[in-house]
Amino acid sequence: MAQSKLMSLVEALASNAVAFIISILANFAVLPLFGFNVRFGQSVCITIIFTAISIIRTYLVRRVFTWWEGMTY
């Protein structure tokens, strides 16, 4: 059964909600290794940008696979 567009979006949002928290923490661990010392607000802004990109990417990939699956039958 194909996944609906709404459920594709819900899946992308749920996955990225978990990744959002992990990414904020990872910014504090990884960025200083490259000489970037970030404050909490900066970390949140960076994470928001990459999260938005990830949600769009995940949604589009899911829709392509759903379309592709429909083409094979």
PDB file of N, CA and C in Angstrom:
ATOM      1  N   MET A   1       0.842  -1.178   0.000  1.00  0.00           N
ATOM      2  CA  MET A   1       0.000   0.000   0.000  1.00  0.00           C
ATOM      3  C   MET A   1       0.890   1.244   0.000  1.00  0.00           C
ATOM      4  N   ALA A   2       0.580   2.189  -0.842  1.00  0.00           N
ATOM      5  CA  ALA A   2       1.359   3.412  -0.958  1.00  0.00           C
ATOM      6  C   ALA A   2       1.119   4.316   0.252  1.00  0.00           C
ATOM      7  N   GLN A   3       2.137   5.044   0.594  1.00  0.00           N
ATOM      8  CA  GLN A   3       2.031   5.978   1.702  1.00  0.00           C
ATOM      9  C   GLN A   3       1.420   7.282   1.194  1.00  0.00           C
ATOM     10  N   SER A   4       0.493   7.847   1.949  1.00  0.00           N
ATOM     11  CA  SER A   4      -0.141   9.098   1.544  1.00  0.00           C
ATOM     12  C   SER A   4       0.857  10.256   1.681  1.00  0.00           C
ATOM     13  N   LYS A   5       0.547  11.346   1.018  1.00  0.00           N
ATOM     14  CA  LYS A   5       1.406  12.532   1.101  1.00  0.00           C
ATOM     15  C   LYS A   5       1.479  13.049   2.527  1.00  0.00           C
ATOM     16  N   LEU A   6       0.343  13.024   3.223  1.00  0.00           N
ATOM     17  CA  LEU A   6       0.319  13.493   4.609  1.00  0.00           C
ATOM     18  C   LEU A   6       1.204  12.621   5.495  1.00  0.00           C
ATOM     19  N   MET A   7       1.111  11.310   5.321  1.00  0.00           N
ATOM     20  CA  MET A   7       1.927  10.423   6.150  1.00  0.00           C
ATOM     21  C   MET A   7       3.412  10.533   5.803  1.00  0.00           C
ATOM     22  N   SER A   8       3.725  10.845   4.552  1.00  0.00           N
ATOM     23  CA  SER A   8       5.118  11.108   4.180  1.00  0.00           C
ATOM     24  C   SER A   8       5.642  12.305   4.955  1.00  0.00           C
ATOM     25  N   LEU A   9       4.817  13.341   5.062  1.00  0.00           N
ATOM     26  CA  LEU A   9       5.209  14.530   5.798  1.00  0.00           C
ATOM     27  C   LEU A   9       5.321  14.237   7.291  1.00  0.00           C
ATOM     28  N   VAL A  10       4.372  13.501   7.851  1.00  0.00           N
ATOM     29  CA  VAL A  10       4.410  13.147   9.276  1.00  0.00           C
ATOM     30  C   VAL A  10       5.668  12.348   9.590  1.00  0.00           C
ATOM     31  N   GLU A  11       6.009  11.403   8.732  1.00  0.00           N
ATOM     32  CA  GLU A  11       7.224  10.603   8.933  1.00  0.00           C
ATOM     33  C   GLU A  11       8.466  11.488   8.902  1.00  0.00           C
ATOM     34  N   ALA A  12       8.524  12.395   7.942  1.00  0.00           N
ATOM     35  CA  ALA A  12       9.674  13.293   7.834  1.00  0.00           C
ATOM     36  C   ALA A  12       9.784  14.185   9.071  1.00  0.00           C
ATOM     37  N   LEU A  13       8.668  14.701   9.548  1.00  0.00           N
ATOM     38  CA  LEU A  13       8.674  15.571  10.731  1.00  0.00           C
ATOM     39  C   LEU A  13       9.081  14.812  11.995  1.00  0.00           C
ATOM     40  N   ALA A  14       8.565  13.606  12.178  1.00  0.00           N
ATOM     41  CA  ALA A  14       8.901  12.813  13.362  1.00  0.00           C
ATOM     42  C   ALA A  14      10.392  12.471  13.389  1.00  0.00           C
ATOM     43  N   SER A  15      10.896  12.041  12.260  1.00  0.00           N
ATOM     44  CA  SER A  15      12.312  11.704  12.168  1.00  0.00           C
ATOM     45  C   SER A  15      13.183  12.913  12.472  1.00  0.00           C
ATOM     46  N   ASN A  16      12.796  14.056  11.943  1.00  0.00           N
ATOM     47  CA  ASN A  16      13.593  15.258  12.128  1.00  0.00           C
ATOM     48  C   ASN A  16      13.452  15.865  13.510  1.00  0.00           C
ATOM     49  N   ALA A  17      12.363  15.599  14.203  1.00  0.00           N
ATOM     50  CA  ALA A  17      12.214  16.093  15.575  1.00  0.00           C
ATOM     51  C   ALA A  17      13.288  15.473  16.473  1.00  0.00           C
ATOM     52  N   VAL A  18      13.512  14.190  16.311  1.00  0.00           N
ATOM     53  CA  VAL A  18      14.560  13.504  17.085  1.00  0.00           C
ATOM     54  C   VAL A  18      15.931  14.018  16.660  1.00  0.00           C
ATOM     55  N   ALA A  19      16.140  14.130  15.363  1.00  0.00           N
ATOM     56  CA  ALA A  19      17.424  14.601  14.847  1.00  0.00           C
ATOM     57  C   ALA A  19      17.720  16.033  15.283  1.00  0.00           C
ATOM     58  N   PHE A  20      16.683  16.853  15.453  1.00  0.00           N
ATOM     59  CA  PHE A  20      16.853  18.247  15.857  1.00  0.00           C
ATOM     60  C   PHE A  20      17.575  18.346  17.199  1.00  0.00           C
ATOM     61  N   ILE A  21      17.113  17.575  18.156  1.00  0.00           N
ATOM     62  CA  ILE A  21      17.719  17.595  19.498  1.00  0.00           C
ATOM     63  C   ILE A  21      19.154  17.085  19.446  1.00  0.00           C
ATOM     64  N   ILE A  22      19.359  15.996  18.727  1.00  0.00           N
ATOM     65  CA  ILE A  22      20.700  15.435  18.601  1.00  0.00           C
ATOM     66  C   ILE A  22      21.639  16.433  17.935  1.00  0.00           C
ATOM     67  N   SER A  23      21.155  17.131  16.915  1.00  0.00           N
ATOM     68  CA  SER A  23      21.987  18.080  16.177  1.00  0.00           C
ATOM     69  C   SER A  23      22.418  19.267  17.025  1.00  0.00           C
ATOM     70  N   ILE A  24      21.521  19.764  17.860  1.00  0.00           N
ATOM     71  CA  ILE A  24      21.889  20.883  18.734  1.00  0.00           C
ATOM     72  C   ILE A  24      23.047  20.471  19.637  1.00  0.00           C
ATOM     73  N   LEU A  25      22.940  19.297  20.216  1.00  0.00           N
ATOM     74  CA  LEU A  25      24.011  18.804  21.085  1.00  0.00           C
ATOM     75  C   LEU A  25      25.291  18.532  20.299  1.00  0.00           C
ATOM     76  N   ALA A  26      25.145  17.985  19.099  1.00  0.00           N
ATOM     77  CA  ALA A  26      26.315  17.678  18.273  1.00  0.00           C
ATOM     78  C   ALA A  26      27.052  18.951  17.874  1.00  0.00           C
ATOM     79  N   ASN A  27      26.319  20.041  17.671  1.00  0.00           N
ATOM     80  CA  ASN A  27      26.978  21.308  17.328  1.00  0.00           C
ATOM     81  C   ASN A  27      27.984  21.714  18.399  1.00  0.00           C
ATOM     82  N   PHE A  28      27.629  21.515  19.654  1.00  0.00           N
ATOM     83  CA  PHE A  28      28.531  21.879  20.747  1.00  0.00           C
ATOM     84  C   PHE A  28      29.752  20.961  20.807  1.00  0.00           C
ATOM     85  N   ALA A  29      29.609  19.729  20.352  1.00  0.00           N
ATOM     86  CA  ALA A  29      30.722  18.786  20.381  1.00  0.00           C
ATOM     87  C   ALA A  29      31.617  18.902  19.143  1.00  0.00           C
ATOM     88  N   VAL A  30      31.021  19.105  17.981  1.00  0.00           N
ATOM     89  CA  VAL A  30      31.766  19.039  16.729  1.00  0.00           C
ATOM     90  C   VAL A  30      32.327  20.384  16.280  1.00  0.00           C
ATOM     91  N   LEU A  31      31.523  21.432  16.314  1.00  0.00           N
ATOM     92  CA  LEU A  31      31.977  22.721  15.779  1.00  0.00           C
ATOM     93  C   LEU A  31      33.240  23.258  16.458  1.00  0.00           C
ATOM     94  N   PRO A  32      33.397  23.119  17.784  1.00  0.00           N
ATOM     95  CA  PRO A  32      34.644  23.588  18.400  1.00  0.00           C
ATOM     96  C   PRO A  32      35.887  22.852  17.886  1.00  0.00           C
ATOM     97  N   LEU A  33      35.715  21.631  17.418  1.00  0.00           N
ATOM     98  CA  LEU A  33      36.851  20.890  16.871  1.00  0.00           C
ATOM     99  C   LEU A  33      37.391  21.555  15.601  1.00  0.00           C
ATOM    100  N   PHE A  34      36.564  22.366  14.969  1.00  0.00           N
ATOM    101  CA  PHE A  34      36.948  23.067  13.748  1.00  0.00           C
ATOM    102  C   PHE A  34      37.149  24.562  13.980  1.00  0.00           C
ATOM    103  N   GLY A  35      37.239  24.939  15.256  1.00  0.00           N
ATOM    104  CA  GLY A  35      37.523  26.329  15.593  1.00  0.00           C
ATOM    105  C   GLY A  35      36.308  27.235  15.690  1.00  0.00           C
ATOM    106  N   PHE A  36      35.109  26.659  15.687  1.00  0.00           N
ATOM    107  CA  PHE A  36      33.884  27.453  15.795  1.00  0.00           C
ATOM    108  C   PHE A  36      33.274  27.246  17.177  1.00  0.00           C
ATOM    109  N   ASN A  37      33.315  28.277  17.982  1.00  0.00           N
ATOM    110  CA  ASN A  37      32.686  28.211  19.294  1.00  0.00           C
ATOM    111  C   ASN A  37      31.319  28.871  19.193  1.00  0.00           C
ATOM    112  N   VAL A  38      30.281  28.064  19.339  1.00  0.00           N
ATOM    113  CA  VAL A  38      28.919  28.565  19.142  1.00  0.00           C
ATOM    114  C   VAL A  38      28.189  28.707  20.467  1.00  0.00           C
ATOM    115  N   ARG A  39      27.320  29.710  20.508  1.00  0.00           N
ATOM    116  CA  ARG A  39      26.439  29.879  21.654  1.00  0.00           C
ATOM    117  C   ARG A  39      25.179  29.054  21.388  1.00  0.00           C
ATOM    118  N   PHE A  40      24.360  28.897  22.419  1.00  0.00           N
ATOM    119  CA  PHE A  40      23.149  28.081  22.289  1.00  0.00           C
ATOM    120  C   PHE A  40      22.237  28.599  21.174  1.00  0.00           C
ATOM    121  N   GLY A  41      21.999  29.895  21.129  1.00  0.00           N
ATOM    122  CA  GLY A  41      21.133  30.480  20.104  1.00  0.00           C
ATOM    123  C   GLY A  41      21.656  30.234  18.701  1.00  0.00           C
ATOM    124  N   GLN A  42      22.966  30.326  18.532  1.00  0.00           N
ATOM    125  CA  GLN A  42      23.566  30.051  17.229  1.00  0.00           C
ATOM    126  C   GLN A  42      23.383  28.583  16.850  1.00  0.00           C
ATOM    127  N   SER A  43      23.547  27.715  17.825  1.00  0.00           N
ATOM    128  CA  SER A  43      23.378  26.291  17.581  1.00  0.00           C
ATOM    129  C   SER A  43      21.954  25.978  17.140  1.00  0.00           C
ATOM    130  N   VAL A  44      20.987  26.616  17.783  1.00  0.00           N
ATOM    131  CA  VAL A  44      19.582  26.404  17.418  1.00  0.00           C
ATOM    132  C   VAL A  44      19.327  26.906  16.001  1.00  0.00           C
ATOM    133  N   CYS A  45      19.848  28.076  15.644  1.00  0.00           N
ATOM    134  CA  CYS A  45      19.647  28.620  14.292  1.00  0.00           C
ATOM    135  C   CYS A  45      20.257  27.717  13.228  1.00  0.00           C
ATOM    136  N   ILE A  46      21.471  27.261  13.456  1.00  0.00           N
ATOM    137  CA  ILE A  46      22.129  26.341  12.517  1.00  0.00           C
ATOM    138  C   ILE A  46      21.287  25.084  12.358  1.00  0.00           C
ATOM    139  N   THR A  47      20.818  24.552  13.477  1.00  0.00           N
ATOM    140  CA  THR A  47      20.030  23.325  13.453  1.00  0.00           C
ATOM    141  C   THR A  47      18.708  23.524  12.732  1.00  0.00           C
ATOM    142  N   ILE A  48      18.059  24.666  12.923  1.00  0.00           N
ATOM    143  CA  ILE A  48      16.791  24.946  12.236  1.00  0.00           C
ATOM    144  C   ILE A  48      16.988  24.932  10.719  1.00  0.00           C
ATOM    145  N   ILE A  49      18.050  25.565  10.252  1.00  0.00           N
ATOM    146  CA  ILE A  49      18.317  25.606   8.812  1.00  0.00           C
ATOM    147  C   ILE A  49      18.502  24.198   8.254  1.00  0.00           C
ATOM    148  N   PHE A  50      19.365  23.411   8.885  1.00  0.00           N
ATOM    149  CA  PHE A  50      19.615  22.063   8.385  1.00  0.00           C
ATOM    150  C   PHE A  50      18.409  21.147   8.567  1.00  0.00           C
ATOM    151  N   THR A  51      17.606  21.385   9.589  1.00  0.00           N
ATOM    152  CA  THR A  51      16.395  20.585   9.796  1.00  0.00           C
ATOM    153  C   THR A  51      15.380  20.855   8.685  1.00  0.00           C
ATOM    154  N   ALA A  52      15.208  22.108   8.326  1.00  0.00           N
ATOM    155  CA  ALA A  52      14.282  22.446   7.236  1.00  0.00           C
ATOM    156  C   ALA A  52      14.713  21.778   5.930  1.00  0.00           C
ATOM    157  N   ILE A  53      16.001  21.835   5.641  1.00  0.00           N
ATOM    158  CA  ILE A  53      16.526  21.176   4.444  1.00  0.00           C
ATOM    159  C   ILE A  53      16.267  19.673   4.508  1.00  0.00           C
ATOM    160  N   SER A  54      16.479  19.081   5.655  1.00  0.00           N
ATOM    161  CA  SER A  54      16.298  17.643   5.818  1.00  0.00           C
ATOM    162  C   SER A  54      14.841  17.217   5.672  1.00  0.00           C
ATOM    163  N   ILE A  55      13.922  18.004   6.221  1.00  0.00           N
ATOM    164  CA  ILE A  55      12.496  17.677   6.100  1.00  0.00           C
ATOM    165  C   ILE A  55      12.084  17.680   4.630  1.00  0.00           C
ATOM    166  N   ILE A  56      12.504  18.691   3.904  1.00  0.00           N
ATOM    167  CA  ILE A  56      12.171  18.768   2.480  1.00  0.00           C
ATOM    168  C   ILE A  56      12.780  17.593   1.721  1.00  0.00           C
ATOM    169  N   ARG A  57      14.044  17.299   1.995  1.00  0.00           N
ATOM    170  CA  ARG A  57      14.724  16.184   1.330  1.00  0.00           C
ATOM    171  C   ARG A  57      14.039  14.862   1.617  1.00  0.00           C
ATOM    172  N   THR A  58      13.730  14.606   2.879  1.00  0.00           N
ATOM    173  CA  THR A  58      13.099  13.348   3.267  1.00  0.00           C
ATOM    174  C   THR A  58      11.733  13.191   2.613  1.00  0.00           C
ATOM    175  N   TYR A  59      10.959  14.255   2.611  1.00  0.00           N
ATOM    176  CA  TYR A  59       9.629  14.226   2.008  1.00  0.00           C
ATOM    177  C   TYR A  59       9.720  13.930   0.508  1.00  0.00           C
ATOM    178  N   LEU A  60      10.609  14.628  -0.186  1.00  0.00           N
ATOM    179  CA  LEU A  60      10.731  14.439  -1.626  1.00  0.00           C
ATOM    180  C   LEU A  60      11.230  13.045  -1.988  1.00  0.00           C
ATOM    181  N   VAL A  61      12.195  12.547  -1.242  1.00  0.00           N
ATOM    182  CA  VAL A  61      12.689  11.190  -1.504  1.00  0.00           C
ATOM    183  C   VAL A  61      11.576  10.175  -1.288  1.00  0.00           C
ATOM    184  N   ARG A  62      10.807  10.327  -0.229  1.00  0.00           N
ATOM    185  CA  ARG A  62       9.700   9.412   0.047  1.00  0.00           C
ATOM    186  C   ARG A  62       8.671   9.451  -1.076  1.00  0.00           C
ATOM    187  N   ARG A  63       8.344  10.650  -1.548  1.00  0.00           N
ATOM    188  CA  ARG A  63       7.365  10.783  -2.626  1.00  0.00           C
ATOM    189  C   ARG A  63       7.875  10.150  -3.921  1.00  0.00           C
ATOM    190  N   VAL A  64       9.162  10.296  -4.213  1.00  0.00           N
ATOM    191  CA  VAL A  64       9.741   9.669  -5.410  1.00  0.00           C
ATOM    192  C   VAL A  64       9.641   8.152  -5.306  1.00  0.00           C
ATOM    193  N   PHE A  65       9.974   7.594  -4.154  1.00  0.00           N
ATOM    194  CA  PHE A  65       9.900   6.144  -3.987  1.00  0.00           C
ATOM    195  C   PHE A  65       8.457   5.653  -4.044  1.00  0.00           C
ATOM    196  N   THR A  66       7.529   6.435  -3.507  1.00  0.00           N
ATOM    197  CA  THR A  66       6.120   6.055  -3.579  1.00  0.00           C
ATOM    198  C   THR A  66       5.652   6.068  -5.034  1.00  0.00           C
ATOM    199  N   TRP A  67       6.036   7.089  -5.778  1.00  0.00           N
ATOM    200  CA  TRP A  67       5.691   7.158  -7.201  1.00  0.00           C
ATOM    201  C   TRP A  67       6.323   6.007  -7.966  1.00  0.00           C
ATOM    202  N   TRP A  68       7.593   5.752  -7.669  1.00  0.00           N
ATOM    203  CA  TRP A  68       8.339   4.691  -8.350  1.00  0.00           C
ATOM    204  C   TRP A  68       7.697   3.333  -8.086  1.00  0.00           C
ATOM    205  N   GLU A  69       7.284   3.103  -6.842  1.00  0.00           N
ATOM    206  CA  GLU A  69       6.633   1.847  -6.487  1.00  0.00           C
ATOM    207  C   GLU A  69       5.336   1.674  -7.286  1.00  0.00           C
ATOM    208  N   GLY A  70       4.600   2.741  -7.469  1.00  0.00           N
ATOM    209  CA  GLY A  70       3.366   2.682  -8.241  1.00  0.00           C
ATOM    210  C   GLY A  70       3.617   2.396  -9.712  1.00  0.00           C
ATOM    211  N   MET A  71       4.773   2.781 -10.211  1.00  0.00           N
ATOM    212  CA  MET A  71       5.109   2.568 -11.621  1.00  0.00           C
ATOM    213  C   MET A  71       5.489   1.115 -11.921  1.00  0.00           C
ATOM    214  N   THR A  72       5.887   0.359 -10.902  1.00  0.00           N
ATOM    215  CA  THR A  72       6.376  -1.006 -11.129  1.00  0.00           C
ATOM    216  C   THR A  72       5.255  -2.019 -11.180  1.00  0.00           C
ATOM    217  N   TYR A  73       4.041  -1.639 -10.825  1.00  0.00           N
ATOM    218  CA  TYR A  73       2.938  -2.603 -10.822  1.00  0.00           C
ATOM    219  C   TYR A  73       2.076  -2.453 -12.032  1.00  0.00           C
TER     220      TYR A  73
END
